[in-house]
Amino acid sequence: MIKNITVTIDEDLFKKAKKIAIDKNTTLTAMIRKFLLEVVEREILKKDTIIKELKNLFETSDIRVGSTTWKREELYER
């Protein structure tokens, strides 16, 4: 499903962006769609990279957590 959005921008920015779109034989809509897709893809890649790094860290780390020496109720007493 395709959704429509309304964007309010400065007239000068609109004219410059429109000229760039014409020079690239595309539309402002296509340029905005491509930009948003690239932003989303970068964020997904960033999150995937962080998850991979954390998994690698957990798998290669020698650190071990000891047994619990406190009770849940004790945490609330502080």
Protein backbone atom coordinates (compact mmCIF):
# COMPACT_ATOMS: atom_id res chain seq x y z
CA MET A 1 0.00 0.00 0.00
CA ILE A 2 1.34 3.42 -0.92
CA LYS A 3 0.73 6.36 1.41
CA ASN A 4 0.70 10.01 0.46
CA ILE A 5 2.38 12.63 2.64
CA THR A 6 2.34 16.41 2.64
CA VAL A 7 5.60 18.25 3.17
CA THR A 8 5.95 21.97 3.68
CA ILE A 9 9.25 23.43 2.48
CA ASP A 10 10.67 26.81 1.59
CA GLU A 11 9.88 27.92 -1.98
CA ASP A 12 13.55 28.44 -2.82
CA LEU A 13 14.41 24.92 -1.66
CA PHE A 14 11.49 23.57 -3.71
CA LYS A 15 12.69 25.31 -6.87
CA LYS A 16 16.28 24.10 -6.44
CA ALA A 17 15.20 20.54 -5.70
CA LYS A 18 12.78 20.55 -8.62
CA LYS A 19 15.59 21.67 -10.96
CA ILE A 20 17.83 18.86 -9.67
CA ALA A 21 15.02 16.36 -10.24
CA ILE A 22 14.54 17.60 -13.81
CA ASP A 23 18.31 17.45 -14.45
CA LYS A 24 18.33 13.84 -13.20
CA ASN A 25 15.26 12.97 -15.29
CA THR A 26 13.21 12.07 -12.22
CA THR A 27 10.60 13.60 -9.93
CA LEU A 28 10.74 15.18 -6.51
CA THR A 29 8.54 12.36 -5.26
CA ALA A 30 11.00 9.77 -6.54
CA MET A 31 13.94 11.65 -5.01
CA ILE A 32 12.22 11.89 -1.63
CA ARG A 33 11.17 8.24 -1.77
CA LYS A 34 14.77 7.21 -2.56
CA PHE A 35 16.15 9.40 0.22
CA LEU A 36 13.76 7.96 2.82
CA LEU A 37 14.51 4.42 1.67
CA GLU A 38 18.26 5.05 2.06
CA VAL A 39 17.74 6.47 5.57
CA VAL A 40 15.73 3.41 6.60
CA GLU A 41 18.26 1.01 5.06
CA ARG A 42 21.14 2.75 6.89
CA GLU A 43 19.30 2.47 10.20
CA ILE A 44 18.53 -1.20 9.65
CA LEU A 45 22.16 -1.87 8.71
CA LYS A 46 23.35 0.04 11.77
CA LYS A 47 21.10 -2.01 14.07
CA ASP A 48 22.10 -5.27 12.39
CA THR A 49 25.76 -4.37 12.79
CA ILE A 50 25.30 -3.58 16.48
CA ILE A 51 23.45 -6.86 17.05
CA LYS A 52 26.20 -8.83 15.27
CA GLU A 53 28.89 -7.08 17.31
CA LEU A 54 27.06 -7.79 20.57
CA LYS A 55 26.53 -11.44 19.67
CA ASN A 56 30.21 -11.75 18.82
CA LEU A 57 31.15 -10.07 22.09
CA PHE A 58 28.93 -12.43 24.10
CA GLU A 59 30.30 -15.47 22.29
CA THR A 60 33.97 -14.53 22.63
CA SER A 61 33.92 -12.99 26.10
CA ASP A 62 35.43 -14.85 29.05
CA ILE A 63 33.33 -12.89 31.54
CA ARG A 64 30.90 -14.96 33.56
CA VAL A 65 28.20 -13.66 35.85
CA GLY A 66 28.18 -15.24 39.29
CA SER A 67 25.20 -16.44 41.23
CA THR A 68 22.57 -14.02 42.49
CA THR A 69 23.22 -13.00 46.09
CA TRP A 70 20.24 -10.70 46.50
CA LYS A 71 16.53 -11.06 46.51
CA ARG A 72 14.17 -9.02 44.37
CA GLU A 73 12.50 -7.48 47.41
CA GLU A 74 15.87 -6.23 48.66
CA LEU A 75 16.30 -4.09 45.56
CA TYR A 76 13.17 -2.13 46.39
CA GLU A 77 14.35 -1.43 49.96
CA ARG A 78 17.07 0.90 48.70
